[in-house]
Amino acid sequence: MSIELITVMQVSANEVKEIFQQLIDEKLSREEVAEWAFIRTQAYDNEQLEFFPPEEEGRIWETLQYLEGVDLKSNNDTYLHVKSDFFQCNFFSRSQT
């Protein structure tokens, strides 16, 4: 008999806000942020991701999906998203509805 250990990853609203801010402040590269988000979306796809606080799951998830694509390029030299897009798409800077 083999026992499979399942590791659950947690992601918090504060952590996502901090990563987004580090992207805006250019303390983390687009590629680092996209990889960070990719790891968490993979954990979600494998039912191994918990959101904290749970009531922020929607905004956390929406932000993770956006961050996963911040390193996409429209051609070899140009990113699809410009820095001003980050301010418009920062889901945690929006008021809750």
PDB file of N, CA and C in Angstrom:
ATOM      1  N   MET A   1       0.847  -1.163   0.000  1.00  0.00           N
ATOM      2  CA  MET A   1       0.000   0.000   0.000  1.00  0.00           C
ATOM      3  C   MET A   1       0.901   1.238   0.000  1.00  0.00           C
ATOM      4  N   SER A   2       0.587   2.196  -0.860  1.00  0.00           N
ATOM      5  CA  SER A   2       1.344   3.448  -0.862  1.00  0.00           C
ATOM      6  C   SER A   2       0.447   4.572  -0.368  1.00  0.00           C
ATOM      7  N   ILE A   3       1.048   5.449   0.360  1.00  0.00           N
ATOM      8  CA  ILE A   3       0.321   6.597   0.892  1.00  0.00           C
ATOM      9  C   ILE A   3       0.802   7.829   0.145  1.00  0.00           C
ATOM     10  N   GLU A   4      -0.153   8.549  -0.408  1.00  0.00           N
ATOM     11  CA  GLU A   4       0.181   9.765  -1.139  1.00  0.00           C
ATOM     12  C   GLU A   4      -0.119  10.966  -0.254  1.00  0.00           C
ATOM     13  N   LEU A   5       0.897  11.762  -0.007  1.00  0.00           N
ATOM     14  CA  LEU A   5       0.707  12.973   0.772  1.00  0.00           C
ATOM     15  C   LEU A   5       0.332  14.114  -0.161  1.00  0.00           C
ATOM     16  N   ILE A   6      -0.706  14.804   0.203  1.00  0.00           N
ATOM     17  CA  ILE A   6      -1.154  15.936  -0.596  1.00  0.00           C
ATOM     18  C   ILE A   6      -0.783  17.212   0.150  1.00  0.00           C
ATOM     19  N   THR A   7      -0.002  18.026  -0.508  1.00  0.00           N
ATOM     20  CA  THR A   7       0.397  19.293   0.079  1.00  0.00           C
ATOM     21  C   THR A   7      -0.539  20.376  -0.424  1.00  0.00           C
ATOM     22  N   VAL A   8      -1.124  21.090   0.509  1.00  0.00           N
ATOM     23  CA  VAL A   8      -2.024  22.176   0.154  1.00  0.00           C
ATOM     24  C   VAL A   8      -1.267  23.491   0.294  1.00  0.00           C
ATOM     25  N   MET A   9      -1.356  24.294  -0.735  1.00  0.00           N
ATOM     26  CA  MET A   9      -0.718  25.604  -0.745  1.00  0.00           C
ATOM     27  C   MET A   9      -1.763  26.647  -0.380  1.00  0.00           C
ATOM     28  N   GLN A  10      -1.354  27.643   0.366  1.00  0.00           N
ATOM     29  CA  GLN A  10      -2.258  28.744   0.685  1.00  0.00           C
ATOM     30  C   GLN A  10      -1.801  29.997  -0.047  1.00  0.00           C
ATOM     31  N   VAL A  11      -2.761  30.803  -0.432  1.00  0.00           N
ATOM     32  CA  VAL A  11      -2.465  32.106  -1.014  1.00  0.00           C
ATOM     33  C   VAL A  11      -3.399  33.112  -0.349  1.00  0.00           C
ATOM     34  N   SER A  12      -2.825  34.203   0.088  1.00  0.00           N
ATOM     35  CA  SER A  12      -3.626  35.202   0.799  1.00  0.00           C
ATOM     36  C   SER A  12      -3.793  36.459  -0.047  1.00  0.00           C
ATOM     37  N   ALA A  13      -4.829  37.194   0.278  1.00  0.00           N
ATOM     38  CA  ALA A  13      -5.059  38.468  -0.394  1.00  0.00           C
ATOM     39  C   ALA A  13      -3.864  39.395  -0.187  1.00  0.00           C
ATOM     40  N   ASN A  14      -3.319  39.417   1.022  1.00  0.00           N
ATOM     41  CA  ASN A  14      -2.164  40.281   1.295  1.00  0.00           C
ATOM     42  C   ASN A  14      -0.955  39.882   0.464  1.00  0.00           C
ATOM     43  N   GLU A  15      -0.735  38.588   0.312  1.00  0.00           N
ATOM     44  CA  GLU A  15       0.393  38.104  -0.484  1.00  0.00           C
ATOM     45  C   GLU A  15       0.239  38.523  -1.949  1.00  0.00           C
ATOM     46  N   VAL A  16      -0.957  38.381  -2.478  1.00  0.00           N
ATOM     47  CA  VAL A  16      -1.217  38.751  -3.869  1.00  0.00           C
ATOM     48  C   VAL A  16      -1.033  40.257  -4.056  1.00  0.00           C
ATOM     49  N   LYS A  17      -1.536  41.040  -3.105  1.00  0.00           N
ATOM     50  CA  LYS A  17      -1.353  42.497  -3.176  1.00  0.00           C
ATOM     51  C   LYS A  17       0.128  42.854  -3.190  1.00  0.00           C
ATOM     52  N   GLU A  18       0.904  42.198  -2.341  1.00  0.00           N
ATOM     53  CA  GLU A  18       2.339  42.471  -2.246  1.00  0.00           C
ATOM     54  C   GLU A  18       3.060  42.105  -3.543  1.00  0.00           C
ATOM     55  N   ILE A  19       2.734  40.962  -4.114  1.00  0.00           N
ATOM     56  CA  ILE A  19       3.355  40.552  -5.378  1.00  0.00           C
ATOM     57  C   ILE A  19       3.001  41.549  -6.482  1.00  0.00           C
ATOM     58  N   PHE A  20       1.743  41.961  -6.531  1.00  0.00           N
ATOM     59  CA  PHE A  20       1.320  42.927  -7.541  1.00  0.00           C
ATOM     60  C   PHE A  20       2.089  44.238  -7.363  1.00  0.00           C
ATOM     61  N   GLN A  21       2.241  44.680  -6.123  1.00  0.00           N
ATOM     62  CA  GLN A  21       2.965  45.922  -5.866  1.00  0.00           C
ATOM     63  C   GLN A  21       4.433  45.796  -6.259  1.00  0.00           C
ATOM     64  N   GLN A  22       5.030  44.641  -5.990  1.00  0.00           N
ATOM     65  CA  GLN A  22       6.426  44.429  -6.377  1.00  0.00           C
ATOM     66  C   GLN A  22       6.589  44.426  -7.895  1.00  0.00           C
ATOM     67  N   LEU A  23       5.579  43.958  -8.604  1.00  0.00           N
ATOM     68  CA  LEU A  23       5.594  44.029 -10.064  1.00  0.00           C
ATOM     69  C   LEU A  23       5.553  45.488 -10.511  1.00  0.00           C
ATOM     70  N   ILE A  24       4.634  46.252  -9.952  1.00  0.00           N
ATOM     71  CA  ILE A  24       4.495  47.668 -10.307  1.00  0.00           C
ATOM     72  C   ILE A  24       5.779  48.434  -9.991  1.00  0.00           C
ATOM     73  N   ASP A  25       6.368  48.136  -8.832  1.00  0.00           N
ATOM     74  CA  ASP A  25       7.600  48.819  -8.402  1.00  0.00           C
ATOM     75  C   ASP A  25       8.855  48.261  -9.074  1.00  0.00           C
ATOM     76  N   GLU A  26       8.674  47.253  -9.916  1.00  0.00           N
ATOM     77  CA  GLU A  26       9.766  46.588 -10.640  1.00  0.00           C
ATOM     78  C   GLU A  26      10.797  45.956  -9.706  1.00  0.00           C
ATOM     79  N   LYS A  27      10.326  45.495  -8.552  1.00  0.00           N
ATOM     80  CA  LYS A  27      11.186  44.755  -7.624  1.00  0.00           C
ATOM     81  C   LYS A  27      11.237  43.279  -8.003  1.00  0.00           C
ATOM     82  N   LEU A  28      10.201  42.824  -8.706  1.00  0.00           N
ATOM     83  CA  LEU A  28      10.161  41.482  -9.281  1.00  0.00           C
ATOM     84  C   LEU A  28       9.967  41.633 -10.780  1.00  0.00           C
ATOM     85  N   SER A  29      10.585  40.751 -11.539  1.00  0.00           N
ATOM     86  CA  SER A  29      10.416  40.795 -12.994  1.00  0.00           C
ATOM     87  C   SER A  29       9.046  40.236 -13.377  1.00  0.00           C
ATOM     88  N   ARG A  30       8.622  40.548 -14.552  1.00  0.00           N
ATOM     89  CA  ARG A  30       7.365  40.001 -15.069  1.00  0.00           C
ATOM     90  C   ARG A  30       7.419  38.475 -15.080  1.00  0.00           C
ATOM     91  N   GLU A  31       8.577  37.947 -15.464  1.00  0.00           N
ATOM     92  CA  GLU A  31       8.735  36.498 -15.543  1.00  0.00           C
ATOM     93  C   GLU A  31       8.647  35.858 -14.157  1.00  0.00           C
ATOM     94  N   GLU A  32       9.224  36.494 -13.157  1.00  0.00           N
ATOM     95  CA  GLU A  32       9.145  35.969 -11.786  1.00  0.00           C
ATOM     96  C   GLU A  32       7.706  35.967 -11.288  1.00  0.00           C
ATOM     97  N   VAL A  33       6.991  37.037 -11.569  1.00  0.00           N
ATOM     98  CA  VAL A  33       5.595  37.144 -11.133  1.00  0.00           C
ATOM     99  C   VAL A  33       4.728  36.126 -11.861  1.00  0.00           C
ATOM    100  N   ALA A  34       4.924  35.978 -13.156  1.00  0.00           N
ATOM    101  CA  ALA A  34       4.142  35.007 -13.929  1.00  0.00           C
ATOM    102  C   ALA A  34       4.391  33.588 -13.426  1.00  0.00           C
ATOM    103  N   GLU A  35       5.631  33.264 -13.113  1.00  0.00           N
ATOM    104  CA  GLU A  35       5.960  31.933 -12.586  1.00  0.00           C
ATOM    105  C   GLU A  35       5.320  31.722 -11.217  1.00  0.00           C
ATOM    106  N   TRP A  36       5.376  32.746 -10.366  1.00  0.00           N
ATOM    107  CA  TRP A  36       4.749  32.682  -9.041  1.00  0.00           C
ATOM    108  C   TRP A  36       3.249  32.386  -9.188  1.00  0.00           C
ATOM    109  N   ALA A  37       2.585  33.102 -10.082  1.00  0.00           N
ATOM    110  CA  ALA A  37       1.152  32.903 -10.296  1.00  0.00           C
ATOM    111  C   ALA A  37       0.866  31.540 -10.921  1.00  0.00           C
ATOM    112  N   PHE A  38       1.717  31.109 -11.859  1.00  0.00           N
ATOM    113  CA  PHE A  38       1.537  29.812 -12.517  1.00  0.00           C
ATOM    114  C   PHE A  38       1.554  28.676 -11.497  1.00  0.00           C
ATOM    115  N   ILE A  39       2.481  28.717 -10.574  1.00  0.00           N
ATOM    116  CA  ILE A  39       2.570  27.670  -9.542  1.00  0.00           C
ATOM    117  C   ILE A  39       1.271  27.596  -8.755  1.00  0.00           C
ATOM    118  N   ARG A  40       0.692  28.728  -8.446  1.00  0.00           N
ATOM    119  CA  ARG A  40      -0.551  28.748  -7.676  1.00  0.00           C
ATOM    120  C   ARG A  40      -1.756  28.327  -8.509  1.00  0.00           C
ATOM    121  N   THR A  41      -1.787  28.684  -9.788  1.00  0.00           N
ATOM    122  CA  THR A  41      -2.903  28.228 -10.619  1.00  0.00           C
ATOM    123  C   THR A  41      -2.832  26.725 -10.850  1.00  0.00           C
ATOM    124  N   GLN A  42      -1.623  26.184 -10.921  1.00  0.00           N
ATOM    125  CA  GLN A  42      -1.471  24.730 -11.032  1.00  0.00           C
ATOM    126  C   GLN A  42      -1.956  24.045  -9.758  1.00  0.00           C
ATOM    127  N   ALA A  43      -1.631  24.615  -8.615  1.00  0.00           N
ATOM    128  CA  ALA A  43      -2.113  24.061  -7.346  1.00  0.00           C
ATOM    129  C   ALA A  43      -3.640  24.098  -7.311  1.00  0.00           C
ATOM    130  N   TYR A  44      -4.228  25.179  -7.803  1.00  0.00           N
ATOM    131  CA  TYR A  44      -5.683  25.292  -7.855  1.00  0.00           C
ATOM    132  C   TYR A  44      -6.268  24.208  -8.759  1.00  0.00           C
ATOM    133  N   ASP A  45      -5.665  24.037  -9.931  1.00  0.00           N
ATOM    134  CA  ASP A  45      -6.145  23.015 -10.871  1.00  0.00           C
ATOM    135  C   ASP A  45      -6.079  21.614 -10.270  1.00  0.00           C
ATOM    136  N   ASN A  46      -5.141  21.405  -9.357  1.00  0.00           N
ATOM    137  CA  ASN A  46      -4.991  20.111  -8.687  1.00  0.00           C
ATOM    138  C   ASN A  46      -5.716  20.053  -7.346  1.00  0.00           C
ATOM    139  N   GLU A  47      -6.593  21.033  -7.125  1.00  0.00           N
ATOM    140  CA  GLU A  47      -7.372  21.131  -5.882  1.00  0.00           C
ATOM    141  C   GLU A  47      -6.468  21.146  -4.655  1.00  0.00           C
ATOM    142  N   GLN A  48      -5.353  21.871  -4.768  1.00  0.00           N
ATOM    143  CA  GLN A  48      -4.391  21.953  -3.677  1.00  0.00           C
ATOM    144  C   GLN A  48      -4.085  23.400  -3.305  1.00  0.00           C
ATOM    145  N   LEU A  49      -5.057  24.283  -3.515  1.00  0.00           N
ATOM    146  CA  LEU A  49      -4.864  25.689  -3.190  1.00  0.00           C
ATOM    147  C   LEU A  49      -6.000  26.161  -2.306  1.00  0.00           C
ATOM    148  N   GLU A  50      -5.639  26.816  -1.219  1.00  0.00           N
ATOM    149  CA  GLU A  50      -6.622  27.420  -0.319  1.00  0.00           C
ATOM    150  C   GLU A  50      -6.456  28.933  -0.367  1.00  0.00           C
ATOM    151  N   PHE A  51      -7.568  29.634  -0.314  1.00  0.00           N
ATOM    152  CA  PHE A  51      -7.575  31.093  -0.363  1.00  0.00           C
ATOM    153  C   PHE A  51      -7.822  31.657   1.027  1.00  0.00           C
ATOM    154  N   PHE A  52      -7.096  32.730   1.347  1.00  0.00           N
ATOM    155  CA  PHE A  52      -7.301  33.384   2.636  1.00  0.00           C
ATOM    156  C   PHE A  52      -7.332  34.896   2.434  1.00  0.00           C
ATOM    157  N   PRO A  53      -8.342  35.531   2.949  1.00  0.00           N
ATOM    158  CA  PRO A  53      -9.523  34.937   3.556  1.00  0.00           C
ATOM    159  C   PRO A  53     -10.418  34.329   2.478  1.00  0.00           C
ATOM    160  N   PRO A  54     -11.183  33.334   2.849  1.00  0.00           N
ATOM    161  CA  PRO A  54     -12.012  32.633   1.861  1.00  0.00           C
ATOM    162  C   PRO A  54     -12.957  33.551   1.085  1.00  0.00           C
ATOM    163  N   GLU A  55     -13.440  34.609   1.724  1.00  0.00           N
ATOM    164  CA  GLU A  55     -14.382  35.503   1.038  1.00  0.00           C
ATOM    165  C   GLU A  55     -13.711  36.325  -0.072  1.00  0.00           C
ATOM    166  N   GLU A  56     -12.386  36.324  -0.123  1.00  0.00           N
ATOM    167  CA  GLU A  56     -11.655  37.032  -1.180  1.00  0.00           C
ATOM    168  C   GLU A  56     -11.246  36.103  -2.324  1.00  0.00           C
ATOM    169  N   GLU A  57     -11.733  34.870  -2.301  1.00  0.00           N
ATOM    170  CA  GLU A  57     -11.321  33.891  -3.315  1.00  0.00           C
ATOM    171  C   GLU A  57     -11.488  34.420  -4.735  1.00  0.00           C
ATOM    172  N   GLY A  58     -12.602  35.043  -5.035  1.00  0.00           N
ATOM    173  CA  GLY A  58     -12.858  35.531  -6.390  1.00  0.00           C
ATOM    174  C   GLY A  58     -11.824  36.534  -6.859  1.00  0.00           C
ATOM    175  N   ARG A  59     -11.533  37.513  -6.019  1.00  0.00           N
ATOM    176  CA  ARG A  59     -10.549  38.528  -6.418  1.00  0.00           C
ATOM    177  C   ARG A  59      -9.136  37.963  -6.441  1.00  0.00           C
ATOM    178  N   ILE A  60      -8.822  37.087  -5.503  1.00  0.00           N
ATOM    179  CA  ILE A  60      -7.497  36.461  -5.509  1.00  0.00           C
ATOM    180  C   ILE A  60      -7.324  35.659  -6.797  1.00  0.00           C
ATOM    181  N   TRP A  61      -8.316  34.855  -7.130  1.00  0.00           N
ATOM    182  CA  TRP A  61      -8.228  34.011  -8.328  1.00  0.00           C
ATOM    183  C   TRP A  61      -8.127  34.854  -9.596  1.00  0.00           C
ATOM    184  N   GLU A  62      -8.938  35.886  -9.695  1.00  0.00           N
ATOM    185  CA  GLU A  62      -8.912  36.770 -10.862  1.00  0.00           C
ATOM    186  C   GLU A  62      -7.527  37.421 -11.010  1.00  0.00           C
ATOM    187  N   THR A  63      -6.949  37.815  -9.889  1.00  0.00           N
ATOM    188  CA  THR A  63      -5.627  38.434  -9.918  1.00  0.00           C
ATOM    189  C   THR A  63      -4.556  37.426 -10.304  1.00  0.00           C
ATOM    190  N   LEU A  64      -4.637  36.208  -9.770  1.00  0.00           N
ATOM    191  CA  LEU A  64      -3.666  35.170 -10.147  1.00  0.00           C
ATOM    192  C   LEU A  64      -3.699  34.909 -11.649  1.00  0.00           C
ATOM    193  N   GLN A  65      -4.894  34.828 -12.206  1.00  0.00           N
ATOM    194  CA  GLN A  65      -5.014  34.582 -13.643  1.00  0.00           C
ATOM    195  C   GLN A  65      -4.397  35.719 -14.448  1.00  0.00           C
ATOM    196  N   TYR A  66      -4.609  36.941 -14.010  1.00  0.00           N
ATOM    197  CA  TYR A  66      -4.016  38.084 -14.703  1.00  0.00           C
ATOM    198  C   TYR A  66      -2.496  38.044 -14.586  1.00  0.00           C
ATOM    199  N   LEU A  67      -1.997  37.838 -13.366  1.00  0.00           N
ATOM    200  CA  LEU A  67      -0.554  37.847 -13.137  1.00  0.00           C
ATOM    201  C   LEU A  67       0.162  36.744 -13.907  1.00  0.00           C
ATOM    202  N   GLU A  68      -0.520  35.647 -14.141  1.00  0.00           N
ATOM    203  CA  GLU A  68       0.098  34.547 -14.884  1.00  0.00           C
ATOM    204  C   GLU A  68       0.473  34.964 -16.310  1.00  0.00           C
ATOM    205  N   GLY A  69      -0.177  35.995 -16.826  1.00  0.00           N
ATOM    206  CA  GLY A  69       0.088  36.425 -18.192  1.00  0.00           C
ATOM    207  C   GLY A  69       0.861  37.722 -18.334  1.00  0.00           C
ATOM    208  N   VAL A  70       1.415  38.248 -17.240  1.00  0.00           N
ATOM    209  CA  VAL A  70       2.094  39.550 -17.342  1.00  0.00           C
ATOM    210  C   VAL A  70       3.394  39.497 -18.132  1.00  0.00           C
ATOM    211  N   ASP A  71       3.889  38.298 -18.404  1.00  0.00           N
ATOM    212  CA  ASP A  71       5.132  38.180 -19.175  1.00  0.00           C
ATOM    213  C   ASP A  71       4.892  37.893 -20.655  1.00  0.00           C
ATOM    214  N   LEU A  72       3.632  37.885 -21.082  1.00  0.00           N
ATOM    215  CA  LEU A  72       3.325  37.624 -22.493  1.00  0.00           C
ATOM    216  C   LEU A  72       3.799  38.780 -23.359  1.00  0.00           C
ATOM    217  N   LYS A  73       4.292  38.443 -24.526  1.00  0.00           N
ATOM    218  CA  LYS A  73       4.788  39.463 -25.448  1.00  0.00           C
ATOM    219  C   LYS A  73       3.943  39.484 -26.714  1.00  0.00           C
ATOM    220  N   SER A  74       3.744  40.687 -27.255  1.00  0.00           N
ATOM    221  CA  SER A  74       3.018  40.823 -28.519  1.00  0.00           C
ATOM    222  C   SER A  74       3.956  40.600 -29.702  1.00  0.00           C
ATOM    223  N   ASN A  75       5.253  40.782 -29.476  1.00  0.00           N
ATOM    224  CA  ASN A  75       6.295  40.418 -30.440  1.00  0.00           C
ATOM    225  C   ASN A  75       7.570  40.183 -29.636  1.00  0.00           C
ATOM    226  N   ASN A  76       8.690  40.015 -30.293  1.00  0.00           N
ATOM    227  CA  ASN A  76       9.928  39.666 -29.581  1.00  0.00           C
ATOM    228  C   ASN A  76      10.391  40.708 -28.576  1.00  0.00           C
ATOM    229  N   ASP A  77      10.064  41.974 -28.809  1.00  0.00           N
ATOM    230  CA  ASP A  77      10.594  43.052 -27.977  1.00  0.00           C
ATOM    231  C   ASP A  77       9.561  43.769 -27.124  1.00  0.00           C
ATOM    232  N   THR A  78       8.294  43.499 -27.327  1.00  0.00           N
ATOM    233  CA  THR A  78       7.250  44.289 -26.687  1.00  0.00           C
ATOM    234  C   THR A  78       6.317  43.405 -25.865  1.00  0.00           C
ATOM    235  N   TYR A  79       6.129  43.795 -24.609  1.00  0.00           N
ATOM    236  CA  TYR A  79       5.176  43.075 -23.766  1.00  0.00           C
ATOM    237  C   TYR A  79       3.752  43.424 -24.171  1.00  0.00           C
ATOM    238  N   LEU A  80       2.876  42.470 -24.032  1.00  0.00           N
ATOM    239  CA  LEU A  80       1.465  42.671 -24.335  1.00  0.00           C
ATOM    240  C   LEU A  80       0.859  43.721 -23.404  1.00  0.00           C
ATOM    241  N   HIS A  81       1.230  43.665 -22.128  1.00  0.00           N
ATOM    242  CA  HIS A  81       0.719  44.612 -21.130  1.00  0.00           C
ATOM    243  C   HIS A  81       1.781  45.661 -20.831  1.00  0.00           C
ATOM    244  N   VAL A  82       1.383  46.928 -20.887  1.00  0.00           N
ATOM    245  CA  VAL A  82       2.290  47.999 -20.483  1.00  0.00           C
ATOM    246  C   VAL A  82       2.069  48.276 -18.995  1.00  0.00           C
ATOM    247  N   LYS A  83       3.013  48.972 -18.392  1.00  0.00           N
ATOM    248  CA  LYS A  83       2.956  49.190 -16.946  1.00  0.00           C
ATOM    249  C   LYS A  83       1.653  49.862 -16.509  1.00  0.00           C
ATOM    250  N   SER A  84       1.135  50.781 -17.308  1.00  0.00           N
ATOM    251  CA  SER A  84      -0.113  51.456 -16.925  1.00  0.00           C
ATOM    252  C   SER A  84      -1.281  50.476 -16.845  1.00  0.00           C
ATOM    253  N   ASP A  85      -1.206  49.366 -17.583  1.00  0.00           N
ATOM    254  CA  ASP A  85      -2.244  48.332 -17.483  1.00  0.00           C
ATOM    255  C   ASP A  85      -2.303  47.750 -16.077  1.00  0.00           C
ATOM    256  N   PHE A  86      -1.161  47.662 -15.418  1.00  0.00           N
ATOM    257  CA  PHE A  86      -1.118  47.059 -14.087  1.00  0.00           C
ATOM    258  C   PHE A  86      -1.969  47.850 -13.094  1.00  0.00           C
ATOM    259  N   PHE A  87      -1.958  49.165 -13.224  1.00  0.00           N
ATOM    260  CA  PHE A  87      -2.754  49.992 -12.317  1.00  0.00           C
ATOM    261  C   PHE A  87      -4.244  49.786 -12.565  1.00  0.00           C
ATOM    262  N   GLN A  88      -4.622  49.618 -13.820  1.00  0.00           N
ATOM    263  CA  GLN A  88      -6.026  49.418 -14.170  1.00  0.00           C
ATOM    264  C   GLN A  88      -6.514  48.025 -13.805  1.00  0.00           C
ATOM    265  N   CYS A  89      -5.626  47.060 -13.804  1.00  0.00           N
ATOM    266  CA  CYS A  89      -6.013  45.668 -13.589  1.00  0.00           C
ATOM    267  C   CYS A  89      -5.702  45.165 -12.192  1.00  0.00           C
ATOM    268  N   ASN A  90      -5.255  46.031 -11.301  1.00  0.00           N
ATOM    269  CA  ASN A  90      -4.988  45.610  -9.932  1.00  0.00           C
ATOM    270  C   ASN A  90      -6.328  45.459  -9.222  1.00  0.00           C
ATOM    271  N   PHE A  91      -6.818  44.240  -9.164  1.00  0.00           N
ATOM    272  CA  PHE A  91      -8.152  43.959  -8.657  1.00  0.00           C
ATOM    273  C   PHE A  91      -8.314  44.327  -7.189  1.00  0.00           C
ATOM    274  N   PHE A  92      -7.216  44.444  -6.471  1.00  0.00           N
ATOM    275  CA  PHE A  92      -7.296  44.804  -5.065  1.00  0.00           C
ATOM    276  C   PHE A  92      -7.303  46.306  -4.850  1.00  0.00           C
ATOM    277  N   SER A  93      -7.089  47.083  -5.906  1.00  0.00           N
ATOM    278  CA  SER A  93      -7.187  48.531  -5.763  1.00  0.00           C
ATOM    279  C   SER A  93      -8.614  48.996  -6.031  1.00  0.00           C
ATOM    280  N   ARG A  94      -9.444  48.089  -6.507  1.00  0.00           N
ATOM    281  CA  ARG A  94     -10.849  48.407  -6.783  1.00  0.00           C
ATOM    282  C   ARG A  94     -11.663  48.293  -5.504  1.00  0.00           C
ATOM    283  N   SER A  95     -12.686  49.091  -5.420  1.00  0.00           N
ATOM    284  CA  SER A  95     -13.579  48.948  -4.266  1.00  0.00           C
ATOM    285  C   SER A  95     -14.431  47.711  -4.463  1.00  0.00           C
ATOM    286  N   GLN A  96     -14.810  47.112  -3.359  1.00  0.00           N
ATOM    287  CA  GLN A  96     -15.644  45.916  -3.439  1.00  0.00           C
ATOM    288  C   GLN A  96     -17.057  46.316  -3.788  1.00  0.00           C
ATOM    289  N   THR A  97     -17.700  45.460  -4.595  1.00  0.00           N
ATOM    290  CA  THR A  97     -19.089  45.725  -4.967  1.00  0.00           C
ATOM    291  C   THR A  97     -20.003  44.791  -4.240  1.00  0.00           C
TER     292      THR A  97
END
